[in-house]
Amino acid sequence: MSLSRREWLASMLGAPLVATLAATGCDAPVTRRRELAGALRGPSMEHGHLLRNAATTSAEAQSAASGPLHDVLVLGGGPSGLSAAWELLRRGVRDVRVLELEREAGGTSAFGTSAVTNYPWGAHYLPSPFRENADLIALLREMGVVTGLSSDGDPVVDEACLVREPDERHFYRGFWYAGLYPYAGASPEDIAQLERFKRRMGEFAALRDARGRRAFAVPVDESSDDSETTQLDRMSADAWLRRESFTSPRLRWLCEYACRDDFGMGLMTTSAWALVHYYAARMRDATSEAQDLITWPEGNGAIVKHLTRAVGDRIASSF
């Protein structure tokens, strides 16, 4: 007979702890804060400073700078630069050169490899594309991730790459809790605002302009450019939340997380349009859930690997 997580905790740690977990609405094991050795990963400041001091630039970089002319130069070998080069090659532009400052391409989708598995250093998933996202569907077809189209035209994704029920957690005051929203200790007003926020995002997901375009779509250039939605780009996410009377600290924390997760900025510096797009663009309509997620052991590094192979020796590193 197998034991549930709660039963196992009761047998090992005693019923009082389990009762405490139940009272806080958390059935996941708790973990006390521990000191962990490590370092932050990211672009090298040393490499970046070479741009402001040409005298210290490596001989290889100087050679590249004075090398032959190309039809197109793409600056940066992250996901955007690599996909731009991939698209140019698809359109028949062969003389493309991607200039990458770091030793390896990848940018925010860099990944590592261990004896056990590959693993992501940065971006680690993407939502399943809607049928309108033709370029992404074409890329995922090349990768063997999209295996066909459904009867209504939406892509069929290989089950091995799908995460239908993401198991997310957040760390709060020394403990891990299930999910991204901090329900433990939330007041009725907190929960009411969360539910109202979800309904508001559903309204935005269902919004169409006079030409039938989604107000918030992926890719971004498929989104409506009507003033009803673009005016949100002229105010901060913080200002919009206050205008809509979303004052719950827990809800604001969740929105702050969304902004930092996708844009690397907080509520004060992210536009209201970007915040709404983060949520609404992943929903087909007002009542649907967010799209299933696609991922790999190395996260979006799998896309980087594919694009790097496709672009080939057109990528030049400064080192």
C-alpha atoms as a PDB file:
ATOM      1  CA  MET A   1       0.000   0.000   0.000  1.00  0.00           C
ATOM      2  CA  SER A   2       1.408   3.409  -0.985  1.00  0.00           C
ATOM      3  CA  LEU A   3       1.194   6.439   1.267  1.00  0.00           C
ATOM      4  CA  SER A   4       0.142   9.932   0.223  1.00  0.00           C
ATOM      5  CA  ARG A   5       2.511  12.820   0.886  1.00  0.00           C
ATOM      6  CA  ARG A   6       0.351  13.939   3.828  1.00  0.00           C
ATOM      7  CA  GLU A   7       0.247  10.414   5.293  1.00  0.00           C
ATOM      8  CA  TRP A   8       4.015  10.046   4.909  1.00  0.00           C
ATOM      9  CA  LEU A   9       4.572  13.368   6.711  1.00  0.00           C
ATOM     10  CA  ALA A  10       2.247  12.271   9.495  1.00  0.00           C
ATOM     11  CA  SER A  11       4.104   9.010   9.958  1.00  0.00           C
ATOM     12  CA  MET A  12       7.556  10.628   9.911  1.00  0.00           C
ATOM     13  CA  LEU A  13       6.982  14.024  11.532  1.00  0.00           C
ATOM     14  CA  GLY A  14       3.784  13.649  13.495  1.00  0.00           C
ATOM     15  CA  ALA A  15       0.210  14.812  13.120  1.00  0.00           C
ATOM     16  CA  PRO A  16       0.716  18.323  14.628  1.00  0.00           C
ATOM     17  CA  LEU A  17       2.890  19.429  11.715  1.00  0.00           C
ATOM     18  CA  VAL A  18       0.419  18.068   9.179  1.00  0.00           C
ATOM     19  CA  ALA A  19      -2.368  19.924  10.979  1.00  0.00           C
ATOM     20  CA  THR A  20      -0.335  23.117  10.717  1.00  0.00           C
ATOM     21  CA  LEU A  21       0.160  22.584   7.002  1.00  0.00           C
ATOM     22  CA  ALA A  22      -3.540  21.970   6.508  1.00  0.00           C
ATOM     23  CA  ALA A  23      -4.394  25.150   8.406  1.00  0.00           C
ATOM     24  CA  THR A  24      -2.174  27.207   6.093  1.00  0.00           C
ATOM     25  CA  GLY A  25      -3.629  25.618   2.978  1.00  0.00           C
ATOM     26  CA  CYS A  26      -0.308  24.017   2.017  1.00  0.00           C
ATOM     27  CA  ASP A  27       0.153  20.284   1.574  1.00  0.00           C
ATOM     28  CA  ALA A  28       3.715  20.469   0.232  1.00  0.00           C
ATOM     29  CA  PRO A  29       6.717  19.716   2.454  1.00  0.00           C
ATOM     30  CA  VAL A  30       8.176  22.822   4.058  1.00  0.00           C
ATOM     31  CA  THR A  31      11.822  23.701   3.701  1.00  0.00           C
ATOM     32  CA  ARG A  32      13.782  26.009   5.966  1.00  0.00           C
ATOM     33  CA  ARG A  33      16.112  28.551   4.408  1.00  0.00           C
ATOM     34  CA  ARG A  34      19.591  27.198   3.697  1.00  0.00           C
ATOM     35  CA  GLU A  35      22.741  28.926   2.588  1.00  0.00           C
ATOM     36  CA  LEU A  36      23.690  27.738  -0.893  1.00  0.00           C
ATOM     37  CA  ALA A  37      26.986  28.281  -2.660  1.00  0.00           C
ATOM     38  CA  GLY A  38      26.847  29.602  -6.195  1.00  0.00           C
ATOM     39  CA  ALA A  39      26.944  32.647  -8.434  1.00  0.00           C
ATOM     40  CA  LEU A  40      24.588  34.597 -10.657  1.00  0.00           C
ATOM     41  CA  ARG A  41      24.741  33.698 -14.342  1.00  0.00           C
ATOM     42  CA  GLY A  42      24.486  36.300 -17.048  1.00  0.00           C
ATOM     43  CA  PRO A  43      26.286  38.357 -19.681  1.00  0.00           C
ATOM     44  CA  SER A  44      29.937  39.002 -18.913  1.00  0.00           C
ATOM     45  CA  MET A  45      30.666  42.607 -17.905  1.00  0.00           C
ATOM     46  CA  GLU A  46      34.252  42.032 -19.004  1.00  0.00           C
ATOM     47  CA  HIS A  47      33.077  41.220 -22.518  1.00  0.00           C
ATOM     48  CA  GLY A  48      30.619  44.089 -22.558  1.00  0.00           C
ATOM     49  CA  HIS A  49      33.301  46.606 -21.591  1.00  0.00           C
ATOM     50  CA  LEU A  50      35.240  45.695 -24.712  1.00  0.00           C
ATOM     51  CA  LEU A  51      32.653  47.656 -26.674  1.00  0.00           C
ATOM     52  CA  ARG A  52      33.610  50.896 -24.959  1.00  0.00           C
ATOM     53  CA  ASN A  53      37.350  50.305 -25.152  1.00  0.00           C
ATOM     54  CA  ALA A  54      38.326  49.141 -28.624  1.00  0.00           C
ATOM     55  CA  ALA A  55      41.999  49.119 -27.633  1.00  0.00           C
ATOM     56  CA  THR A  56      41.443  46.008 -25.505  1.00  0.00           C
ATOM     57  CA  THR A  57      39.394  44.145 -28.084  1.00  0.00           C
ATOM     58  CA  SER A  58      40.758  40.731 -28.952  1.00  0.00           C
ATOM     59  CA  ALA A  59      42.581  40.216 -32.220  1.00  0.00           C
ATOM     60  CA  GLU A  60      39.741  37.944 -33.398  1.00  0.00           C
ATOM     61  CA  ALA A  61      37.132  40.630 -32.766  1.00  0.00           C
ATOM     62  CA  GLN A  62      39.239  43.287 -34.518  1.00  0.00           C
ATOM     63  CA  SER A  63      39.619  40.968 -37.471  1.00  0.00           C
ATOM     64  CA  ALA A  64      35.856  40.394 -37.603  1.00  0.00           C
ATOM     65  CA  ALA A  65      35.196  44.141 -37.422  1.00  0.00           C
ATOM     66  CA  SER A  66      37.461  44.789 -40.408  1.00  0.00           C
ATOM     67  CA  GLY A  67      36.386  41.709 -42.316  1.00  0.00           C
ATOM     68  CA  PRO A  68      34.284  41.402 -45.472  1.00  0.00           C
ATOM     69  CA  LEU A  69      30.929  43.095 -45.909  1.00  0.00           C
ATOM     70  CA  HIS A  70      27.732  41.037 -45.618  1.00  0.00           C
ATOM     71  CA  ASP A  71      24.200  41.563 -46.855  1.00  0.00           C
ATOM     72  CA  VAL A  72      22.813  41.390 -43.302  1.00  0.00           C
ATOM     73  CA  LEU A  73      24.485  41.647 -39.903  1.00  0.00           C
ATOM     74  CA  VAL A  74      22.494  40.409 -36.913  1.00  0.00           C
ATOM     75  CA  LEU A  75      23.766  41.786 -33.614  1.00  0.00           C
ATOM     76  CA  GLY A  76      23.397  39.226 -30.847  1.00  0.00           C
ATOM     77  CA  GLY A  77      23.066  35.464 -30.905  1.00  0.00           C
ATOM     78  CA  GLY A  78      20.262  35.119 -28.387  1.00  0.00           C
ATOM     79  CA  PRO A  79      16.837  33.701 -29.310  1.00  0.00           C
ATOM     80  CA  SER A  80      15.835  36.898 -31.135  1.00  0.00           C
ATOM     81  CA  GLY A  81      19.030  37.156 -33.176  1.00  0.00           C
ATOM     82  CA  LEU A  82      19.133  33.468 -34.045  1.00  0.00           C
ATOM     83  CA  SER A  83      15.464  33.389 -35.054  1.00  0.00           C
ATOM     84  CA  ALA A  84      15.980  36.530 -37.182  1.00  0.00           C
ATOM     85  CA  ALA A  85      18.838  34.799 -39.007  1.00  0.00           C
ATOM     86  CA  TRP A  86      16.727  31.632 -39.355  1.00  0.00           C
ATOM     87  CA  GLU A  87      13.878  33.616 -40.892  1.00  0.00           C
ATOM     88  CA  LEU A  88      16.218  35.427 -43.290  1.00  0.00           C
ATOM     89  CA  LEU A  89      17.617  32.092 -44.459  1.00  0.00           C
ATOM     90  CA  ARG A  90      14.068  30.801 -44.988  1.00  0.00           C
ATOM     91  CA  ARG A  91      13.454  33.821 -47.214  1.00  0.00           C
ATOM     92  CA  GLY A  92      16.518  33.133 -49.311  1.00  0.00           C
ATOM     93  CA  VAL A  93      18.946  35.640 -47.804  1.00  0.00           C
ATOM     94  CA  ARG A  94      22.096  33.564 -47.606  1.00  0.00           C
ATOM     95  CA  ASP A  95      24.775  36.152 -46.779  1.00  0.00           C
ATOM     96  CA  VAL A  96      23.864  36.591 -43.115  1.00  0.00           C
ATOM     97  CA  ARG A  97      26.320  37.023 -40.255  1.00  0.00           C
ATOM     98  CA  VAL A  98      25.350  36.798 -36.567  1.00  0.00           C
ATOM     99  CA  LEU A  99      27.724  38.634 -34.218  1.00  0.00           C
ATOM    100  CA  GLU A 100      27.696  37.301 -30.655  1.00  0.00           C
ATOM    101  CA  LEU A 101      29.621  39.027 -27.863  1.00  0.00           C
ATOM    102  CA  GLU A 102      29.712  36.013 -25.542  1.00  0.00           C
ATOM    103  CA  ARG A 103      31.651  32.836 -26.147  1.00  0.00           C
ATOM    104  CA  GLU A 104      28.490  30.917 -27.070  1.00  0.00           C
ATOM    105  CA  ALA A 105      25.133  31.832 -28.549  1.00  0.00           C
ATOM    106  CA  GLY A 106      22.001  31.415 -26.438  1.00  0.00           C
ATOM    107  CA  GLY A 107      21.443  34.635 -24.519  1.00  0.00           C
ATOM    108  CA  THR A 108      18.490  34.321 -22.149  1.00  0.00           C
ATOM    109  CA  SER A 109      17.974  30.715 -23.286  1.00  0.00           C
ATOM    110  CA  ALA A 110      21.458  29.444 -22.456  1.00  0.00           C
ATOM    111  CA  PHE A 111      21.673  25.958 -20.968  1.00  0.00           C
ATOM    112  CA  GLY A 112      24.112  23.627 -19.255  1.00  0.00           C
ATOM    113  CA  THR A 113      24.909  19.931 -19.451  1.00  0.00           C
ATOM    114  CA  SER A 114      25.656  17.449 -16.667  1.00  0.00           C
ATOM    115  CA  ALA A 115      26.379  13.745 -16.593  1.00  0.00           C
ATOM    116  CA  VAL A 116      22.666  13.197 -15.965  1.00  0.00           C
ATOM    117  CA  THR A 117      20.839  15.663 -18.192  1.00  0.00           C
ATOM    118  CA  ASN A 118      20.796  19.021 -19.911  1.00  0.00           C
ATOM    119  CA  TYR A 119      19.274  21.865 -17.871  1.00  0.00           C
ATOM    120  CA  PRO A 120      18.221  25.481 -18.532  1.00  0.00           C
ATOM    121  CA  TRP A 121      20.049  28.534 -17.198  1.00  0.00           C
ATOM    122  CA  GLY A 122      17.279  30.866 -18.303  1.00  0.00           C
ATOM    123  CA  ALA A 123      14.050  30.664 -20.309  1.00  0.00           C
ATOM    124  CA  HIS A 124      12.633  27.189 -19.905  1.00  0.00           C
ATOM    125  CA  TYR A 125       9.270  26.978 -21.689  1.00  0.00           C
ATOM    126  CA  LEU A 126       6.958  28.569 -24.231  1.00  0.00           C
ATOM    127  CA  PRO A 127       3.162  28.448 -24.443  1.00  0.00           C
ATOM    128  CA  SER A 128       1.725  26.252 -27.197  1.00  0.00           C
ATOM    129  CA  PRO A 129       1.126  28.538 -30.182  1.00  0.00           C
ATOM    130  CA  PHE A 130      -2.311  29.413 -31.501  1.00  0.00           C
ATOM    131  CA  ARG A 131      -2.993  28.674 -35.171  1.00  0.00           C
ATOM    132  CA  GLU A 132      -2.230  32.291 -36.129  1.00  0.00           C
ATOM    133  CA  ASN A 133       1.425  32.003 -35.063  1.00  0.00           C
ATOM    134  CA  ALA A 134       2.613  30.582 -38.386  1.00  0.00           C
ATOM    135  CA  ASP A 135       6.336  31.246 -37.970  1.00  0.00           C
ATOM    136  CA  LEU A 136       6.605  29.589 -34.572  1.00  0.00           C
ATOM    137  CA  ILE A 137       4.561  26.632 -35.802  1.00  0.00           C
ATOM    138  CA  ALA A 138       6.955  26.297 -38.757  1.00  0.00           C
ATOM    139  CA  LEU A 139       9.947  26.274 -36.403  1.00  0.00           C
ATOM    140  CA  LEU A 140       8.355  23.705 -34.101  1.00  0.00           C
ATOM    141  CA  ARG A 141       7.530  21.553 -37.139  1.00  0.00           C
ATOM    142  CA  GLU A 142      11.209  21.615 -38.111  1.00  0.00           C
ATOM    143  CA  MET A 143      12.057  20.494 -34.580  1.00  0.00           C
ATOM    144  CA  GLY A 144       9.505  17.665 -34.711  1.00  0.00           C
ATOM    145  CA  VAL A 145       7.554  19.202 -31.827  1.00  0.00           C
ATOM    146  CA  VAL A 146       4.431  20.065 -33.828  1.00  0.00           C
ATOM    147  CA  THR A 147       3.290  16.827 -35.426  1.00  0.00           C
ATOM    148  CA  GLY A 148       0.210  18.054 -37.278  1.00  0.00           C
ATOM    149  CA  LEU A 149      -2.873  20.248 -37.120  1.00  0.00           C
ATOM    150  CA  SER A 150      -6.196  19.601 -35.406  1.00  0.00           C
ATOM    151  CA  SER A 151      -9.534  19.830 -37.198  1.00  0.00           C
ATOM    152  CA  ASP A 152      -9.842  23.487 -36.200  1.00  0.00           C
ATOM    153  CA  GLY A 153      -6.334  24.347 -37.407  1.00  0.00           C
ATOM    154  CA  ASP A 154      -4.508  24.480 -34.074  1.00  0.00           C
ATOM    155  CA  PRO A 155      -1.108  22.747 -33.889  1.00  0.00           C
ATOM    156  CA  VAL A 156      -0.871  19.267 -32.395  1.00  0.00           C
ATOM    157  CA  VAL A 157       2.131  19.124 -30.059  1.00  0.00           C
ATOM    158  CA  ASP A 158       4.149  16.005 -29.275  1.00  0.00           C
ATOM    159  CA  GLU A 159       3.052  14.858 -25.815  1.00  0.00           C
ATOM    160  CA  ALA A 160       6.679  14.302 -24.798  1.00  0.00           C
ATOM    161  CA  CYS A 161       7.216  18.075 -24.917  1.00  0.00           C
ATOM    162  CA  LEU A 162       3.991  19.152 -23.194  1.00  0.00           C
ATOM    163  CA  VAL A 163       3.565  20.171 -19.557  1.00  0.00           C
ATOM    164  CA  ARG A 164      -0.188  20.148 -19.046  1.00  0.00           C
ATOM    165  CA  GLU A 165      -0.175  20.770 -15.291  1.00  0.00           C
ATOM    166  CA  PRO A 166       2.893  22.781 -14.253  1.00  0.00           C
ATOM    167  CA  ASP A 167       3.843  22.175 -10.614  1.00  0.00           C
ATOM    168  CA  GLU A 168       4.921  25.640  -9.475  1.00  0.00           C
ATOM    169  CA  ARG A 169       5.911  26.795  -5.998  1.00  0.00           C
ATOM    170  CA  HIS A 170       6.850  30.019  -4.253  1.00  0.00           C
ATOM    171  CA  PHE A 171       9.108  30.683  -1.272  1.00  0.00           C
ATOM    172  CA  TYR A 172       7.667  32.898   1.473  1.00  0.00           C
ATOM    173  CA  ARG A 173       9.146  33.646   4.908  1.00  0.00           C
ATOM    174  CA  GLY A 174      11.290  30.538   5.006  1.00  0.00           C
ATOM    175  CA  PHE A 175       8.802  28.058   3.579  1.00  0.00           C
ATOM    176  CA  TRP A 176       7.818  26.674   0.179  1.00  0.00           C
ATOM    177  CA  TYR A 177       4.143  26.834  -0.807  1.00  0.00           C
ATOM    178  CA  ALA A 178       2.316  25.230  -3.733  1.00  0.00           C
ATOM    179  CA  GLY A 179       1.412  27.460  -6.694  1.00  0.00           C
ATOM    180  CA  LEU A 180       2.499  30.986  -7.572  1.00  0.00           C
ATOM    181  CA  TYR A 181      -0.157  32.918  -5.681  1.00  0.00           C
ATOM    182  CA  PRO A 182       0.459  33.178  -1.891  1.00  0.00           C
ATOM    183  CA  TYR A 183      -2.895  31.834  -0.677  1.00  0.00           C
ATOM    184  CA  ALA A 184      -1.661  31.134   2.866  1.00  0.00           C
ATOM    185  CA  GLY A 185      -3.047  33.914   5.056  1.00  0.00           C
ATOM    186  CA  ALA A 186      -4.884  35.635   2.194  1.00  0.00           C
ATOM    187  CA  SER A 187      -7.921  37.666   3.269  1.00  0.00           C
ATOM    188  CA  PRO A 188     -11.351  37.443   1.593  1.00  0.00           C
ATOM    189  CA  GLU A 189     -10.583  40.785  -0.058  1.00  0.00           C
ATOM    190  CA  ASP A 190      -7.292  39.412  -1.411  1.00  0.00           C
ATOM    191  CA  ILE A 191      -9.097  36.451  -2.963  1.00  0.00           C
ATOM    192  CA  ALA A 192     -11.872  38.669  -4.343  1.00  0.00           C
ATOM    193  CA  GLN A 193      -9.333  40.899  -6.073  1.00  0.00           C
ATOM    194  CA  LEU A 194      -7.509  37.886  -7.497  1.00  0.00           C
ATOM    195  CA  GLU A 195     -10.737  36.529  -8.982  1.00  0.00           C
ATOM    196  CA  ARG A 196     -11.651  39.955 -10.375  1.00  0.00           C
ATOM    197  CA  PHE A 197      -8.177  40.228 -11.931  1.00  0.00           C
ATOM    198  CA  LYS A 198      -8.634  36.829 -13.615  1.00  0.00           C
ATOM    199  CA  ARG A 199     -11.994  37.936 -15.030  1.00  0.00           C
ATOM    200  CA  ARG A 200     -10.423  41.157 -16.286  1.00  0.00           C
ATOM    201  CA  MET A 201      -7.689  39.219 -18.101  1.00  0.00           C
ATOM    202  CA  GLY A 202     -10.382  37.001 -19.617  1.00  0.00           C
ATOM    203  CA  GLU A 203     -12.149  40.091 -20.934  1.00  0.00           C
ATOM    204  CA  PHE A 204      -8.934  41.274 -22.542  1.00  0.00           C
ATOM    205  CA  ALA A 205      -8.351  37.805 -24.039  1.00  0.00           C
ATOM    206  CA  ALA A 206     -11.794  37.912 -25.662  1.00  0.00           C
ATOM    207  CA  LEU A 207     -11.461  41.494 -26.895  1.00  0.00           C
ATOM    208  CA  ARG A 208     -11.434  41.926 -30.695  1.00  0.00           C
ATOM    209  CA  ASP A 209     -11.162  45.134 -32.681  1.00  0.00           C
ATOM    210  CA  ALA A 210     -13.312  46.236 -35.632  1.00  0.00           C
ATOM    211  CA  ARG A 211     -11.101  44.194 -37.996  1.00  0.00           C
ATOM    212  CA  GLY A 212     -11.489  41.049 -35.903  1.00  0.00           C
ATOM    213  CA  ARG A 213      -7.921  41.112 -34.553  1.00  0.00           C
ATOM    214  CA  ARG A 214      -7.139  39.948 -31.045  1.00  0.00           C
ATOM    215  CA  ALA A 215      -6.330  42.845 -28.745  1.00  0.00           C
ATOM    216  CA  PHE A 216      -3.386  40.867 -27.316  1.00  0.00           C
ATOM    217  CA  ALA A 217      -1.741  38.201 -29.455  1.00  0.00           C
ATOM    218  CA  VAL A 218       1.499  36.317 -30.074  1.00  0.00           C
ATOM    219  CA  PRO A 219       3.359  37.317 -32.166  1.00  0.00           C
ATOM    220  CA  VAL A 220       2.955  40.882 -30.972  1.00  0.00           C
ATOM    221  CA  ASP A 221       2.483  42.295 -34.480  1.00  0.00           C
ATOM    222  CA  GLU A 222      -0.766  40.321 -34.718  1.00  0.00           C
ATOM    223  CA  SER A 223      -2.177  42.361 -31.828  1.00  0.00           C
ATOM    224  CA  SER A 224      -4.649  45.161 -32.428  1.00  0.00           C
ATOM    225  CA  ASP A 225      -3.221  48.651 -32.843  1.00  0.00           C
ATOM    226  CA  ASP A 226      -6.513  50.351 -31.944  1.00  0.00           C
ATOM    227  CA  SER A 227      -6.233  53.163 -29.415  1.00  0.00           C
ATOM    228  CA  GLU A 228      -8.443  51.228 -26.983  1.00  0.00           C
ATOM    229  CA  THR A 229      -5.545  48.888 -26.302  1.00  0.00           C
ATOM    230  CA  THR A 230      -2.450  50.859 -27.301  1.00  0.00           C
ATOM    231  CA  GLN A 231      -3.279  53.557 -24.754  1.00  0.00           C
ATOM    232  CA  LEU A 232      -2.312  50.989 -22.132  1.00  0.00           C
ATOM    233  CA  ASP A 233       1.256  51.291 -23.404  1.00  0.00           C
ATOM    234  CA  ARG A 234       1.312  54.904 -22.233  1.00  0.00           C
ATOM    235  CA  MET A 235       0.879  54.073 -18.562  1.00  0.00           C
ATOM    236  CA  SER A 236       2.781  51.854 -16.168  1.00  0.00           C
ATOM    237  CA  ALA A 237       1.480  48.551 -14.872  1.00  0.00           C
ATOM    238  CA  ASP A 238       1.504  50.127 -11.421  1.00  0.00           C
ATOM    239  CA  ALA A 239      -0.709  53.020 -12.588  1.00  0.00           C
ATOM    240  CA  TRP A 240      -3.152  50.638 -14.272  1.00  0.00           C
ATOM    241  CA  LEU A 241      -3.467  48.427 -11.186  1.00  0.00           C
ATOM    242  CA  ARG A 242      -4.194  51.488  -9.062  1.00  0.00           C
ATOM    243  CA  ARG A 243      -6.712  52.796 -11.608  1.00  0.00           C
ATOM    244  CA  GLU A 244      -8.520  49.442 -11.534  1.00  0.00           C
ATOM    245  CA  SER A 245      -8.450  49.402  -7.701  1.00  0.00           C
ATOM    246  CA  PHE A 246      -6.220  46.352  -7.551  1.00  0.00           C
ATOM    247  CA  THR A 247      -4.624  47.160  -4.232  1.00  0.00           C
ATOM    248  CA  SER A 248      -4.065  43.683  -2.735  1.00  0.00           C
ATOM    249  CA  PRO A 249      -0.363  43.346  -1.850  1.00  0.00           C
ATOM    250  CA  ARG A 250      -0.516  39.666  -2.816  1.00  0.00           C
ATOM    251  CA  LEU A 251      -1.981  40.397  -6.238  1.00  0.00           C
ATOM    252  CA  ARG A 252       0.535  43.163  -6.799  1.00  0.00           C
ATOM    253  CA  TRP A 253       3.308  40.744  -5.834  1.00  0.00           C
ATOM    254  CA  LEU A 254       2.011  38.257  -8.416  1.00  0.00           C
ATOM    255  CA  CYS A 255       1.961  40.940 -11.123  1.00  0.00           C
ATOM    256  CA  GLU A 256       5.430  42.088 -10.098  1.00  0.00           C
ATOM    257  CA  TYR A 257       6.615  38.505 -10.520  1.00  0.00           C
ATOM    258  CA  ALA A 258       5.083  38.352 -14.014  1.00  0.00           C
ATOM    259  CA  CYS A 259       6.822  41.570 -15.052  1.00  0.00           C
ATOM    260  CA  ARG A 260      10.206  40.499 -13.718  1.00  0.00           C
ATOM    261  CA  ASP A 261       9.813  37.004 -15.144  1.00  0.00           C
ATOM    262  CA  ASP A 262       9.208  38.113 -18.738  1.00  0.00           C
ATOM    263  CA  PHE A 263      10.542  41.663 -18.948  1.00  0.00           C
ATOM    264  CA  GLY A 264      13.166  41.996 -16.220  1.00  0.00           C
ATOM    265  CA  MET A 265      11.414  45.087 -14.849  1.00  0.00           C
ATOM    266  CA  GLY A 266       9.032  45.947 -12.036  1.00  0.00           C
ATOM    267  CA  LEU A 267       5.519  47.365 -12.023  1.00  0.00           C
ATOM    268  CA  MET A 268       6.774  50.950 -12.155  1.00  0.00           C
ATOM    269  CA  THR A 269       8.775  50.447 -15.352  1.00  0.00           C
ATOM    270  CA  THR A 270       6.676  47.849 -17.220  1.00  0.00           C
ATOM    271  CA  SER A 271       3.805  49.204 -19.298  1.00  0.00           C
ATOM    272  CA  ALA A 272       0.232  48.213 -18.520  1.00  0.00           C
ATOM    273  CA  TRP A 273      -0.021  46.826 -22.076  1.00  0.00           C
ATOM    274  CA  ALA A 274       2.878  44.436 -21.436  1.00  0.00           C
ATOM    275  CA  LEU A 275       1.398  43.231 -18.136  1.00  0.00           C
ATOM    276  CA  VAL A 276      -1.984  42.514 -19.721  1.00  0.00           C
ATOM    277  CA  HIS A 277      -0.332  40.848 -22.721  1.00  0.00           C
ATOM    278  CA  TYR A 278       1.559  38.502 -20.371  1.00  0.00           C
ATOM    279  CA  TYR A 279      -1.753  36.980 -19.267  1.00  0.00           C
ATOM    280  CA  ALA A 280      -4.324  37.666 -22.013  1.00  0.00           C
ATOM    281  CA  ALA A 281      -2.221  36.550 -24.987  1.00  0.00           C
ATOM    282  CA  ARG A 282      -2.007  33.022 -23.550  1.00  0.00           C
ATOM    283  CA  MET A 283      -5.802  32.577 -23.462  1.00  0.00           C
ATOM    284  CA  ARG A 284      -7.992  31.822 -26.478  1.00  0.00           C
ATOM    285  CA  ASP A 285     -11.070  33.500 -24.980  1.00  0.00           C
ATOM    286  CA  ALA A 286     -12.591  34.727 -21.734  1.00  0.00           C
ATOM    287  CA  THR A 287     -13.351  31.276 -20.321  1.00  0.00           C
ATOM    288  CA  SER A 288     -10.356  29.243 -21.483  1.00  0.00           C
ATOM    289  CA  GLU A 289      -7.315  28.347 -19.452  1.00  0.00           C
ATOM    290  CA  ALA A 290      -3.846  29.471 -20.467  1.00  0.00           C
ATOM    291  CA  GLN A 291      -2.271  27.409 -23.248  1.00  0.00           C
ATOM    292  CA  ASP A 292      -0.393  24.235 -22.350  1.00  0.00           C
ATOM    293  CA  LEU A 293       3.354  24.722 -22.021  1.00  0.00           C
ATOM    294  CA  ILE A 294       6.091  23.258 -24.221  1.00  0.00           C
ATOM    295  CA  THR A 295       9.488  22.474 -22.735  1.00  0.00           C
ATOM    296  CA  TRP A 296      12.587  20.277 -22.935  1.00  0.00           C
ATOM    297  CA  PRO A 297      15.220  19.187 -20.374  1.00  0.00           C
ATOM    298  CA  GLU A 298      17.382  22.171 -21.397  1.00  0.00           C
ATOM    299  CA  GLY A 299      14.361  24.492 -21.574  1.00  0.00           C
ATOM    300  CA  ASN A 300      14.388  26.888 -24.506  1.00  0.00           C
ATOM    301  CA  GLY A 301      18.001  25.902 -24.994  1.00  0.00           C
ATOM    302  CA  ALA A 302      16.542  23.207 -27.274  1.00  0.00           C
ATOM    303  CA  ILE A 303      15.357  25.985 -29.593  1.00  0.00           C
ATOM    304  CA  VAL A 304      18.792  27.630 -29.405  1.00  0.00           C
ATOM    305  CA  LYS A 305      20.434  24.326 -30.358  1.00  0.00           C
ATOM    306  CA  HIS A 306      18.158  23.914 -33.361  1.00  0.00           C
ATOM    307  CA  LEU A 307      18.599  27.501 -34.552  1.00  0.00           C
ATOM    308  CA  THR A 308      22.358  27.330 -34.044  1.00  0.00           C
ATOM    309  CA  ARG A 309      22.544  24.252 -36.258  1.00  0.00           C
ATOM    310  CA  ALA A 310      20.326  25.921 -38.863  1.00  0.00           C
ATOM    311  CA  VAL A 311      22.416  29.114 -38.951  1.00  0.00           C
ATOM    312  CA  GLY A 312      25.669  27.120 -38.858  1.00  0.00           C
ATOM    313  CA  ASP A 313      28.981  28.864 -39.428  1.00  0.00           C
ATOM    314  CA  ARG A 314      27.275  32.221 -39.934  1.00  0.00           C
ATOM    315  CA  ILE A 315      27.645  32.836 -36.177  1.00  0.00           C
ATOM    316  CA  ALA A 316      30.793  34.712 -35.125  1.00  0.00           C
ATOM    317  CA  SER A 317      31.819  35.096 -31.485  1.00  0.00           C
ATOM    318  CA  SER A 318      34.108  37.826 -30.234  1.00  0.00           C
ATOM    319  CA  PHE A 319      36.184  35.181 -28.414  1.00  0.00           C
END
